[in-house]
Amino acid sequence: MAAIITFTASELADTGDLYNWTDYAYPTDEPDYQCDFEMDPQTFHTGLHTAFYIFTFLLGVAGNGLMMTILLRRWRLLRITEIYLLHLALADLMLLFTFPFSVAENATGWLFGNFLCKVMGLMKQLNLLCASFLLACIGFDRYLAIVHAITSMQSRRKRTVHLTCSILWLVCLALSAPNVVFLTVNVESTNTSRLSCFFHDYRNHASNWVMTIRVLHHVCFFLPLAIMSYCYTAVVVTLFKSQKSQAKRGAIRLALLITLVFCFCWLPYNVTLVIHTMEDQAVILYESCESYGILQQALVVTESLGFAHSCLNPFLYAFVGVRFRNELIQLLCKFGCRRVCMPFIRAQGHSRPPSSDGVTTTTSILI
């Protein structure tokens, strides 16, 4: 069914799922344009996100849930990086648990009332702010442990890490609090009865908060990326100068993989969002209705790619380590999966390197 969308050059709405920018208007005196879409954008939005959210939700909950279970079983014996991993898994689960609500909203509109609208918006914003900085903290901790192994012994204490994580959560909570104020449930637009969870109230203040969210999102990507790039580059250089050749190759590959995956998942969305913000501010203008539609679909696809990072973290940071893999196998055996786990147990018994080789030690330090 065709859809007529009327807008001005600075009124074009962002239909990306992160905050459902549908029908968000920016006052302007510019002439109106009409776009007649042969395919309802919501159809593309719903079909893509339903499949993506179901897969990511199942994989992410399983991976992060297993990681949290393993870490909590030895709570008092956690290493410093594992404390960060525990907080990271919690942040990712907060995002993942909003996915079923997003699927339902894309299909039928928001049906869960004002309270859950505010809670889901708060949880999603908390993850986007907190998870990236936790990844930066992990990179910085690896930098201290490898590049400044002796001088950092005083600063790398569990009490300091717990305090750092607590302050990070409080700061991110304060920055996410405006979502609770501005997010409300209302009719999506004048020509439909669908309800949406969006920034419907306090129009001028809400529009300022929308732009602030975009700035925060860019800061929470580019700043952690810069920290991770510097720290892992220093780690790679230090390991490259070491004598343990086999160990350093695995650790260097892991450091590069962590940085590249983070960049691959979130860079496309940030670039697309920058273009969208520039068009909203009339720095550049939409050339046609086709360019408007392409941008909306690009926001949906690139945002989905960014969200996928929440289910990749356990495999990048935890399960790649020998200690984590052993504990995961033991946990699965305890849950009744012994027949499935036995081949992996035998394979590990035959392939375990001697302690003098240093492979396990160096790779474990990196993660």
Protein backbone atom coordinates (compact mmCIF):
# COMPACT_ATOMS: atom_id res chain seq x y z
CA MET A 1 0.00 0.00 0.00
CA ALA A 2 1.38 3.39 -0.96
CA ALA A 3 2.12 5.92 1.75
CA ILE A 4 2.06 9.72 1.29
CA ILE A 5 4.58 11.50 3.53
CA THR A 6 4.59 15.28 3.58
CA PHE A 7 7.61 17.07 4.99
CA THR A 8 9.88 20.07 4.67
CA ALA A 9 13.59 19.85 4.12
CA SER A 10 14.21 19.99 7.88
CA GLU A 11 11.13 17.98 8.90
CA LEU A 12 12.16 14.61 7.50
CA ALA A 13 11.63 11.97 10.16
CA ASP A 14 14.10 9.33 11.24
CA THR A 15 12.31 5.97 11.34
CA GLY A 16 15.29 4.19 12.91
CA ASP A 17 14.17 1.95 15.79
CA LEU A 18 16.41 3.45 18.44
CA TYR A 19 13.91 6.18 19.27
CA ASN A 20 11.19 5.92 16.62
CA TRP A 21 11.67 9.37 15.16
CA THR A 22 8.39 9.12 13.18
CA ASP A 23 6.50 12.40 12.71
CA TYR A 24 9.02 14.45 14.63
CA ALA A 25 8.68 18.00 13.28
CA TYR A 26 11.18 20.82 13.28
CA PRO A 27 9.55 24.21 12.73
CA THR A 28 10.52 25.80 9.44
CA ASP A 29 9.22 28.11 6.76
CA GLU A 30 10.63 26.12 3.87
CA PRO A 31 8.22 24.79 1.21
CA ASP A 32 6.62 21.38 1.67
CA TYR A 33 7.40 18.29 -0.37
CA GLN A 34 5.38 15.12 -0.86
CA CYS A 35 6.77 11.61 -1.12
CA ASP A 36 4.59 8.79 -2.41
CA PHE A 37 6.17 5.50 -1.29
CA GLU A 38 5.02 2.40 -3.13
CA MET A 39 6.05 0.35 -0.12
CA ASP A 40 5.12 1.42 3.37
CA PRO A 41 8.43 2.07 5.20
CA GLN A 42 6.96 0.35 8.25
CA THR A 43 6.77 -2.94 6.29
CA PHE A 44 10.50 -2.87 5.60
CA HIS A 45 11.12 -1.80 9.20
CA THR A 46 8.99 -4.57 10.73
CA GLY A 47 10.20 -7.43 8.54
CA LEU A 48 13.88 -6.65 9.00
CA HIS A 49 13.75 -6.03 12.72
CA THR A 50 11.56 -8.97 13.64
CA ALA A 51 14.01 -11.46 12.13
CA PHE A 52 17.05 -9.59 13.43
CA TYR A 53 15.75 -9.06 16.96
CA ILE A 54 14.69 -12.68 17.44
CA PHE A 55 18.09 -14.02 16.35
CA THR A 56 20.11 -11.43 18.28
CA PHE A 57 17.94 -11.78 21.38
CA LEU A 58 18.37 -15.56 21.54
CA LEU A 59 22.10 -15.52 20.81
CA GLY A 60 22.80 -12.54 23.06
CA VAL A 61 20.82 -13.75 26.05
CA ALA A 62 22.44 -17.18 25.81
CA GLY A 63 25.98 -15.80 25.48
CA ASN A 64 25.74 -13.02 28.06
CA GLY A 65 23.71 -15.20 30.42
CA LEU A 66 26.34 -17.95 30.34
CA MET A 67 29.11 -15.42 30.85
CA MET A 68 27.38 -13.90 33.88
CA THR A 69 26.67 -17.36 35.32
CA ILE A 70 30.33 -18.38 35.01
CA LEU A 71 31.56 -15.15 36.58
CA LEU A 72 29.06 -15.14 39.45
CA ARG A 73 30.00 -18.73 40.39
CA ARG A 74 33.41 -17.41 41.51
CA TRP A 75 32.43 -13.88 42.48
CA ARG A 76 35.15 -13.46 45.11
CA LEU A 77 37.91 -14.75 42.81
CA LEU A 78 37.24 -12.51 39.82
CA ARG A 79 40.17 -10.93 38.04
CA ILE A 80 40.07 -7.22 37.23
CA THR A 81 39.07 -7.66 33.57
CA GLU A 82 36.37 -10.13 34.59
CA ILE A 83 34.76 -7.49 36.81
CA TYR A 84 34.42 -5.25 33.75
CA LEU A 85 33.08 -8.22 31.77
CA LEU A 86 30.40 -8.82 34.39
CA HIS A 87 29.20 -5.22 34.12
CA LEU A 88 29.40 -5.39 30.33
CA ALA A 89 27.21 -8.51 30.25
CA LEU A 90 24.66 -6.76 32.47
CA ALA A 91 24.60 -3.71 30.19
CA ASP A 92 24.16 -5.89 27.09
CA LEU A 93 21.33 -7.87 28.71
CA MET A 94 19.54 -4.61 29.49
CA LEU A 95 19.56 -3.77 25.80
CA LEU A 96 18.60 -7.29 24.71
CA PHE A 97 15.56 -7.38 27.01
CA THR A 98 14.14 -4.35 25.18
CA PHE A 99 14.09 -6.25 21.87
CA PRO A 100 10.75 -8.10 22.42
CA PHE A 101 9.08 -4.76 23.11
CA SER A 102 10.60 -3.30 19.93
CA VAL A 103 9.32 -6.25 17.88
CA ALA A 104 5.81 -5.79 19.26
CA GLU A 105 5.88 -2.03 18.68
CA ASN A 106 7.05 -2.42 15.08
CA ALA A 107 4.21 -4.86 14.39
CA THR A 108 1.25 -3.31 16.21
CA GLY A 109 2.35 -0.06 17.84
CA TRP A 110 3.18 0.49 21.50
CA LEU A 111 0.79 -1.48 23.72
CA PHE A 112 2.60 -1.46 27.07
CA GLY A 113 1.71 1.88 28.62
CA ASN A 114 3.68 4.93 29.71
CA PHE A 115 5.65 3.29 32.53
CA LEU A 116 7.24 0.57 30.38
CA CYS A 117 7.80 3.12 27.61
CA LYS A 118 9.97 5.16 29.97
CA VAL A 119 11.71 2.09 31.45
CA MET A 120 12.59 0.61 28.05
CA GLY A 121 13.91 3.96 26.83
CA LEU A 122 16.02 4.30 29.97
CA MET A 123 17.46 0.77 29.66
CA LYS A 124 18.32 1.23 25.99
CA GLN A 125 20.02 4.57 26.57
CA LEU A 126 21.94 3.17 29.56
CA ASN A 127 23.39 0.40 27.41
CA LEU A 128 24.40 2.72 24.59
CA LEU A 129 26.20 5.02 27.02
CA CYS A 130 27.68 2.49 29.42
CA ALA A 131 28.69 -0.49 27.27
CA SER A 132 31.07 1.45 25.04
CA PHE A 133 32.91 2.98 27.99
CA LEU A 134 33.15 -0.42 29.68
CA LEU A 135 34.86 -1.69 26.52
CA ALA A 136 37.23 1.28 26.74
CA CYS A 137 37.91 0.44 30.40
CA ILE A 138 38.80 -3.14 29.43
CA GLY A 139 41.20 -1.87 26.78
CA PHE A 140 42.79 0.58 29.21
CA ASP A 141 43.16 -2.13 31.86
CA ARG A 142 44.91 -4.40 29.33
CA TYR A 143 47.15 -1.46 28.44
CA LEU A 144 48.15 -0.99 32.08
CA ALA A 145 48.62 -4.73 32.67
CA ILE A 146 50.90 -5.29 29.65
CA VAL A 147 52.56 -1.96 28.81
CA HIS A 148 52.97 -0.73 32.40
CA ALA A 149 52.91 -4.05 34.23
CA ILE A 150 55.03 -2.97 37.21
CA THR A 151 54.06 0.67 37.70
CA SER A 152 50.31 -0.07 37.46
CA MET A 153 50.19 -2.63 40.26
CA GLN A 154 48.94 -0.08 42.79
CA SER A 155 46.17 1.33 40.58
CA ARG A 156 44.92 -2.04 39.29
CA ARG A 157 43.03 -3.11 42.39
CA LYS A 158 39.58 -4.65 42.63
CA ARG A 159 38.30 -1.89 44.89
CA THR A 160 39.34 0.72 42.30
CA VAL A 161 37.60 -1.23 39.53
CA HIS A 162 34.35 -1.57 41.52
CA LEU A 163 34.44 2.17 42.27
CA THR A 164 35.09 2.99 38.60
CA CYS A 165 32.15 0.85 37.45
CA SER A 166 29.84 2.35 40.07
CA ILE A 167 30.72 5.91 39.05
CA LEU A 168 30.29 5.01 35.37
CA TRP A 169 26.79 3.58 35.98
CA LEU A 170 25.75 6.65 38.01
CA VAL A 171 26.99 9.09 35.35
CA CYS A 172 25.27 7.16 32.56
CA LEU A 173 22.07 6.96 34.60
CA ALA A 174 22.10 10.73 35.08
CA LEU A 175 22.65 11.28 31.35
CA SER A 176 19.82 8.86 30.52
CA ALA A 177 17.31 10.33 33.01
CA PRO A 178 15.77 12.85 30.53
CA ASN A 179 14.34 9.86 28.63
CA VAL A 180 12.07 9.21 31.61
CA VAL A 181 10.80 12.80 31.39
CA PHE A 182 10.30 13.14 27.64
CA LEU A 183 9.25 9.63 26.53
CA THR A 184 5.46 9.18 26.48
CA VAL A 185 2.86 7.12 24.62
CA ASN A 186 0.70 8.91 22.08
CA VAL A 187 -0.88 8.52 18.64
CA GLU A 188 1.85 8.17 16.05
CA SER A 189 0.38 10.73 13.62
CA THR A 190 -2.88 12.36 12.60
CA ASN A 191 -3.65 9.78 9.87
CA THR A 192 -3.19 6.62 11.95
CA SER A 193 -4.42 5.17 15.23
CA ARG A 194 -1.12 3.42 16.07
CA LEU A 195 0.46 4.35 19.38
CA SER A 196 4.16 5.07 19.62
CA CYS A 197 6.63 5.43 22.47
CA PHE A 198 8.37 8.65 21.57
CA PHE A 199 9.29 12.18 22.72
CA HIS A 200 5.77 13.54 22.35
CA ASP A 201 5.75 16.03 25.26
CA TYR A 202 7.67 19.31 25.78
CA ARG A 203 8.14 19.86 22.07
CA ASN A 204 11.03 22.38 22.04
CA HIS A 205 12.83 20.80 24.97
CA ALA A 206 12.26 17.33 23.53
CA SER A 207 13.76 18.37 20.19
CA ASN A 208 16.83 19.66 22.01
CA TRP A 209 17.10 16.34 23.86
CA VAL A 210 16.84 14.44 20.57
CA MET A 211 19.85 16.33 19.25
CA THR A 212 21.68 15.85 22.56
CA ILE A 213 21.12 12.08 22.32
CA ARG A 214 22.73 12.05 18.90
CA VAL A 215 25.77 13.95 20.21
CA LEU A 216 26.04 11.57 23.18
CA HIS A 217 25.85 8.61 20.83
CA HIS A 218 28.74 9.95 18.75
CA VAL A 219 30.81 10.69 21.87
CA CYS A 220 30.13 7.18 23.19
CA PHE A 221 31.47 5.72 19.96
CA PHE A 222 34.38 7.89 18.89
CA LEU A 223 35.89 8.48 22.34
CA PRO A 224 35.95 4.76 23.36
CA LEU A 225 37.18 3.90 19.85
CA ALA A 226 40.08 6.34 20.25
CA ILE A 227 40.93 4.90 23.69
CA MET A 228 40.73 1.31 22.46
CA SER A 229 42.79 2.07 19.36
CA TYR A 230 45.57 3.72 21.37
CA CYS A 231 45.62 1.09 24.13
CA TYR A 232 45.53 -1.95 21.87
CA THR A 233 48.11 -0.41 19.54
CA ALA A 234 50.45 0.00 22.52
CA VAL A 235 49.66 -3.57 23.59
CA VAL A 236 50.43 -4.90 20.12
CA VAL A 237 53.74 -3.00 19.99
CA THR A 238 54.73 -4.30 23.44
CA LEU A 239 53.82 -7.91 22.61
CA PHE A 240 55.58 -7.66 19.27
CA LYS A 241 58.81 -6.87 21.11
CA SER A 242 58.38 -9.84 23.46
CA GLN A 243 60.07 -13.20 22.96
CA LYS A 244 56.98 -15.45 23.08
CA SER A 245 56.31 -15.57 19.36
CA GLN A 246 53.40 -18.00 19.26
CA ALA A 247 51.65 -16.34 22.18
CA LYS A 248 52.11 -12.84 20.84
CA ARG A 249 50.60 -13.73 17.46
CA GLY A 250 47.38 -14.94 19.06
CA ALA A 251 47.22 -11.95 21.42
CA ILE A 252 47.90 -9.45 18.61
CA ARG A 253 45.17 -10.99 16.45
CA LEU A 254 42.73 -10.80 19.36
CA ALA A 255 43.56 -7.12 20.04
CA LEU A 256 43.04 -6.22 16.39
CA LEU A 257 39.82 -8.25 16.19
CA ILE A 258 38.30 -6.53 19.24
CA THR A 259 38.94 -3.06 17.80
CA LEU A 260 37.88 -3.89 14.25
CA VAL A 261 34.62 -5.58 15.29
CA PHE A 262 33.65 -2.59 17.46
CA CYS A 263 34.42 -0.24 14.57
CA PHE A 264 32.66 -2.44 11.99
CA CYS A 265 29.46 -2.68 14.07
CA TRP A 266 29.04 0.96 15.08
CA LEU A 267 30.89 3.12 12.51
CA PRO A 268 28.27 2.75 9.71
CA TYR A 269 25.44 3.87 12.02
CA ASN A 270 27.38 6.84 13.32
CA VAL A 271 28.28 7.98 9.81
CA THR A 272 24.64 7.62 8.71
CA LEU A 273 23.42 9.49 11.79
CA VAL A 274 25.86 12.34 11.13
CA ILE A 275 24.45 12.68 7.60
CA HIS A 276 20.90 12.63 8.96
CA THR A 277 21.72 15.30 11.56
CA MET A 278 23.33 17.52 8.92
CA GLU A 279 20.19 17.27 6.80
CA ASP A 280 17.96 18.04 9.79
CA GLN A 281 20.03 21.17 10.43
CA ALA A 282 19.85 22.10 6.72
CA VAL A 283 23.62 21.87 6.35
CA ILE A 284 22.88 19.61 3.40
CA LEU A 285 19.47 19.04 1.78
CA TYR A 286 17.64 15.96 0.56
CA GLU A 287 17.93 15.87 -3.21
CA SER A 288 14.78 13.78 -3.70
CA CYS A 289 12.21 11.58 -1.98
CA GLU A 290 14.29 8.61 -3.05
CA SER A 291 17.30 9.87 -1.08
CA TYR A 292 15.05 10.37 1.96
CA GLY A 293 13.81 6.76 1.75
CA ILE A 294 17.33 5.38 1.28
CA LEU A 295 18.55 7.26 4.34
CA GLN A 296 15.73 5.89 6.52
CA GLN A 297 16.47 2.32 5.43
CA ALA A 298 20.20 2.90 5.97
CA LEU A 299 19.49 4.04 9.54
CA VAL A 300 17.49 0.87 10.20
CA VAL A 301 20.13 -1.47 8.74
CA THR A 302 23.18 0.21 10.30
CA GLU A 303 21.51 0.50 13.70
CA SER A 304 20.74 -3.23 13.57
CA LEU A 305 24.40 -3.90 12.83
CA GLY A 306 25.37 -1.84 15.88
CA PHE A 307 22.96 -3.69 18.14
CA ALA A 308 24.50 -6.98 16.99
CA HIS A 309 27.63 -6.05 18.93
CA SER A 310 25.79 -6.79 22.19
CA CYS A 311 25.63 -10.50 21.34
CA LEU A 312 29.24 -10.66 20.07
CA ASN A 313 30.90 -9.39 23.26
CA PRO A 314 30.87 -12.75 25.14
CA PHE A 315 32.58 -14.47 22.20
CA LEU A 316 35.18 -11.72 21.79
CA TYR A 317 36.05 -11.12 25.42
CA ALA A 318 35.20 -14.28 27.34
CA PHE A 319 34.80 -17.54 25.46
CA VAL A 320 38.01 -17.00 23.46
CA GLY A 321 40.00 -17.53 26.69
CA VAL A 322 41.07 -21.05 27.70
CA ARG A 323 39.88 -20.58 31.28
CA PHE A 324 36.43 -19.44 30.18
CA ARG A 325 36.08 -22.28 27.69
CA ASN A 326 36.95 -24.85 30.35
CA GLU A 327 34.44 -23.37 32.79
CA LEU A 328 31.78 -23.17 30.07
CA ILE A 329 32.26 -26.85 29.23
CA GLN A 330 32.04 -27.77 32.92
CA LEU A 331 28.88 -25.70 33.28
CA LEU A 332 27.24 -27.29 30.24
CA CYS A 333 28.16 -30.76 31.54
CA LYS A 334 26.51 -29.86 34.85
CA PHE A 335 23.34 -28.92 32.94
CA GLY A 336 23.21 -32.39 31.35
CA CYS A 337 25.11 -31.77 28.10
CA ARG A 338 27.96 -34.18 28.92
CA ARG A 339 27.57 -36.20 25.70
CA VAL A 340 27.86 -33.03 23.61
CA CYS A 341 30.79 -31.69 25.66
CA MET A 342 32.95 -34.85 25.74
CA PRO A 343 34.53 -34.31 22.26
CA PHE A 344 35.61 -30.80 23.32
CA ILE A 345 37.02 -32.10 26.61
CA ARG A 346 39.08 -34.75 24.78
CA ALA A 347 40.26 -32.23 22.18
CA GLN A 348 41.42 -29.83 24.88
CA GLY A 349 43.24 -32.62 26.69
CA HIS A 350 45.22 -33.48 23.54
CA SER A 351 45.89 -29.92 22.35
CA ARG A 352 46.79 -28.18 25.61
CA PRO A 353 50.23 -26.54 25.25
CA PRO A 354 52.92 -26.95 27.88
CA SER A 355 53.08 -24.25 30.54
CA SER A 356 56.54 -23.15 29.43
CA ASP A 357 55.18 -22.16 26.04
CA GLY A 358 53.35 -19.19 27.50
CA VAL A 359 50.44 -19.22 25.08
CA THR A 360 47.71 -19.50 27.67
CA THR A 361 49.26 -16.94 29.98
CA THR A 362 49.74 -14.22 27.38
CA THR A 363 46.37 -14.66 25.72
CA SER A 364 44.59 -14.71 29.08
CA ILE A 365 46.28 -11.46 30.07
CA LEU A 366 44.91 -9.73 26.97
CA ILE A 367 41.31 -10.66 27.71
